[in-house]
Amino acid sequence: MNDKVKALLSILESAGFSHDDLAGTVAELNDAVNDGKSTSIQLVSPGAAARYIKRINDENVFTARFRHSDEPDLLNNESNDERIENPNQDSCIVVSYDPAKQ
């Protein structure tokens, strides 16, 4: 696994995400970093994980932001007129990687 992804994984596990829950998304990020491709993932945040967004942004090559419940889910091609129906997604974190911004 890429060192950049390992560092992100450590932060996400500190935020309360389990290693098992992150397995698929971490693999996707690892592939993107290794291939030099941009990607974004979306994680349903456990409780206070939003406070780790600043840490991800400060300590990593990734950017993270909180996705508000009334914001379209662009990662899943949701239009501007659609809203999140899953109440758990009120606390989503979007983590992105863009090699051009390194």
C-alpha atoms as a PDB file:
ATOM      1  CA  MET A   1       0.000   0.000   0.000  1.00  0.00           C
ATOM      2  CA  ASN A   2       1.210   3.485  -0.873  1.00  0.00           C
ATOM      3  CA  ASP A   3       2.607   5.493   2.088  1.00  0.00           C
ATOM      4  CA  LYS A   4       0.252   8.409   1.352  1.00  0.00           C
ATOM      5  CA  VAL A   5      -2.732   6.086   1.554  1.00  0.00           C
ATOM      6  CA  LYS A   6      -1.381   4.476   4.744  1.00  0.00           C
ATOM      7  CA  ALA A   7      -1.209   7.926   6.358  1.00  0.00           C
ATOM      8  CA  LEU A   8      -4.800   8.663   5.343  1.00  0.00           C
ATOM      9  CA  LEU A   9      -5.938   5.258   6.588  1.00  0.00           C
ATOM     10  CA  SER A  10      -4.377   5.979   9.968  1.00  0.00           C
ATOM     11  CA  ILE A  11      -6.277   9.271  10.239  1.00  0.00           C
ATOM     12  CA  LEU A  12      -9.562   7.683   9.163  1.00  0.00           C
ATOM     13  CA  GLU A  13      -9.163   4.861  11.681  1.00  0.00           C
ATOM     14  CA  SER A  14      -8.489   7.487  14.375  1.00  0.00           C
ATOM     15  CA  ALA A  15     -11.742   9.125  13.292  1.00  0.00           C
ATOM     16  CA  GLY A  16     -13.663   5.937  14.025  1.00  0.00           C
ATOM     17  CA  PHE A  17     -13.791   4.226  10.657  1.00  0.00           C
ATOM     18  CA  SER A  18     -13.021   0.513  10.845  1.00  0.00           C
ATOM     19  CA  HIS A  19     -10.350  -1.039   8.651  1.00  0.00           C
ATOM     20  CA  ASP A  20     -12.936  -3.463   7.247  1.00  0.00           C
ATOM     21  CA  ASP A  21     -15.329  -0.636   6.343  1.00  0.00           C
ATOM     22  CA  LEU A  22     -12.559   1.197   4.512  1.00  0.00           C
ATOM     23  CA  ALA A  23     -11.086  -1.752   2.610  1.00  0.00           C
ATOM     24  CA  GLY A  24     -12.727  -1.085  -0.763  1.00  0.00           C
ATOM     25  CA  THR A  25     -12.338   2.673  -0.718  1.00  0.00           C
ATOM     26  CA  VAL A  26      -8.734   2.466   0.435  1.00  0.00           C
ATOM     27  CA  ALA A  27      -7.987   0.091  -2.437  1.00  0.00           C
ATOM     28  CA  GLU A  28      -9.595   2.569  -4.859  1.00  0.00           C
ATOM     29  CA  LEU A  29      -7.522   5.445  -3.464  1.00  0.00           C
ATOM     30  CA  ASN A  30      -4.357   3.365  -3.512  1.00  0.00           C
ATOM     31  CA  ASP A  31      -4.895   2.485  -7.175  1.00  0.00           C
ATOM     32  CA  ALA A  32      -5.517   6.144  -8.075  1.00  0.00           C
ATOM     33  CA  VAL A  33      -2.401   7.358  -6.250  1.00  0.00           C
ATOM     34  CA  ASN A  34      -0.240   4.629  -7.792  1.00  0.00           C
ATOM     35  CA  ASP A  35      -1.638   5.355 -11.267  1.00  0.00           C
ATOM     36  CA  GLY A  36      -1.443   9.151 -10.864  1.00  0.00           C
ATOM     37  CA  LYS A  37      -5.186   9.574 -11.433  1.00  0.00           C
ATOM     38  CA  SER A  38      -7.678  11.882  -9.758  1.00  0.00           C
ATOM     39  CA  THR A  39     -10.436  10.291  -7.706  1.00  0.00           C
ATOM     40  CA  SER A  40     -12.940  11.062  -4.970  1.00  0.00           C
ATOM     41  CA  ILE A  41     -14.549   8.803  -2.430  1.00  0.00           C
ATOM     42  CA  GLN A  42     -17.439   9.417  -0.102  1.00  0.00           C
ATOM     43  CA  LEU A  43     -17.585   8.073   3.435  1.00  0.00           C
ATOM     44  CA  VAL A  44     -20.531   8.122   5.821  1.00  0.00           C
ATOM     45  CA  SER A  45     -19.000   9.749   8.841  1.00  0.00           C
ATOM     46  CA  PRO A  46     -19.118   8.099  12.252  1.00  0.00           C
ATOM     47  CA  GLY A  47     -20.129  10.748  14.768  1.00  0.00           C
ATOM     48  CA  ALA A  48     -17.301  13.208  15.288  1.00  0.00           C
ATOM     49  CA  ALA A  49     -15.248  12.261  12.234  1.00  0.00           C
ATOM     50  CA  ALA A  50     -15.865  15.648  10.626  1.00  0.00           C
ATOM     51  CA  ARG A  51     -13.302  17.132  13.014  1.00  0.00           C
ATOM     52  CA  TYR A  52     -10.636  15.081  11.240  1.00  0.00           C
ATOM     53  CA  ILE A  53     -11.204  16.909   7.947  1.00  0.00           C
ATOM     54  CA  LYS A  54      -8.697  19.620   8.880  1.00  0.00           C
ATOM     55  CA  ARG A  55      -6.142  16.993   9.858  1.00  0.00           C
ATOM     56  CA  ILE A  56      -6.575  15.195   6.515  1.00  0.00           C
ATOM     57  CA  ASN A  57      -6.142  18.478   4.660  1.00  0.00           C
ATOM     58  CA  ASP A  58      -3.119  19.553   6.723  1.00  0.00           C
ATOM     59  CA  GLU A  59      -1.218  16.267   6.906  1.00  0.00           C
ATOM     60  CA  ASN A  60      -1.968  14.635   3.586  1.00  0.00           C
ATOM     61  CA  VAL A  61      -1.918  14.889  -0.191  1.00  0.00           C
ATOM     62  CA  PHE A  62      -5.674  14.326  -0.055  1.00  0.00           C
ATOM     63  CA  THR A  63      -8.348  16.965   0.370  1.00  0.00           C
ATOM     64  CA  ALA A  64     -11.381  16.345   2.508  1.00  0.00           C
ATOM     65  CA  ARG A  65     -14.583  18.218   3.067  1.00  0.00           C
ATOM     66  CA  PHE A  66     -17.905  17.755   4.780  1.00  0.00           C
ATOM     67  CA  ARG A  67     -20.816  17.127   2.417  1.00  0.00           C
ATOM     68  CA  HIS A  68     -24.008  18.790   3.591  1.00  0.00           C
ATOM     69  CA  SER A  69     -27.324  16.957   3.471  1.00  0.00           C
ATOM     70  CA  ASP A  70     -28.811  19.372   0.923  1.00  0.00           C
ATOM     71  CA  GLU A  71     -25.833  19.158  -1.443  1.00  0.00           C
ATOM     72  CA  PRO A  72     -26.270  16.982  -4.535  1.00  0.00           C
ATOM     73  CA  ASP A  73     -24.358  13.731  -4.435  1.00  0.00           C
ATOM     74  CA  LEU A  74     -22.193  14.405  -7.481  1.00  0.00           C
ATOM     75  CA  LEU A  75     -20.128  11.271  -6.925  1.00  0.00           C
ATOM     76  CA  ASN A  76     -23.263   9.225  -7.537  1.00  0.00           C
ATOM     77  CA  ASN A  77     -24.567  11.469 -10.332  1.00  0.00           C
ATOM     78  CA  GLU A  78     -27.353  12.984  -8.248  1.00  0.00           C
ATOM     79  CA  SER A  79     -28.812  16.068  -9.913  1.00  0.00           C
ATOM     80  CA  ASN A  80     -29.210  19.478  -8.295  1.00  0.00           C
ATOM     81  CA  ASP A  81     -32.918  18.752  -7.834  1.00  0.00           C
ATOM     82  CA  GLU A  82     -32.359  15.547  -5.906  1.00  0.00           C
ATOM     83  CA  ARG A  83     -31.667  15.381  -2.202  1.00  0.00           C
ATOM     84  CA  ILE A  84     -30.136  12.746  -0.006  1.00  0.00           C
ATOM     85  CA  GLU A  85     -32.747  10.266   1.139  1.00  0.00           C
ATOM     86  CA  ASN A  86     -30.513   8.312   3.490  1.00  0.00           C
ATOM     87  CA  PRO A  87     -30.365  10.186   6.814  1.00  0.00           C
ATOM     88  CA  ASN A  88     -26.975   8.630   7.562  1.00  0.00           C
ATOM     89  CA  GLN A  89     -25.561  10.587   4.673  1.00  0.00           C
ATOM     90  CA  ASP A  90     -26.211  13.846   6.510  1.00  0.00           C
ATOM     91  CA  SER A  91     -22.671  13.428   7.735  1.00  0.00           C
ATOM     92  CA  CYS A  92     -20.668  12.450   4.691  1.00  0.00           C
ATOM     93  CA  ILE A  93     -17.030  13.198   4.156  1.00  0.00           C
ATOM     94  CA  VAL A  94     -15.724  13.495   0.615  1.00  0.00           C
ATOM     95  CA  VAL A  95     -12.011  12.693   0.251  1.00  0.00           C
ATOM     96  CA  SER A  96     -10.356  13.590  -3.052  1.00  0.00           C
ATOM     97  CA  TYR A  97      -6.993  13.042  -4.646  1.00  0.00           C
ATOM     98  CA  ASP A  98      -5.704  15.172  -7.514  1.00  0.00           C
ATOM     99  CA  PRO A  99      -2.107  14.562  -8.603  1.00  0.00           C
ATOM    100  CA  ALA A 100      -2.092  17.916 -10.430  1.00  0.00           C
ATOM    101  CA  LYS A 101      -2.382  19.709  -7.076  1.00  0.00           C
ATOM    102  CA  GLN A 102       0.704  18.098  -5.558  1.00  0.00           C
END
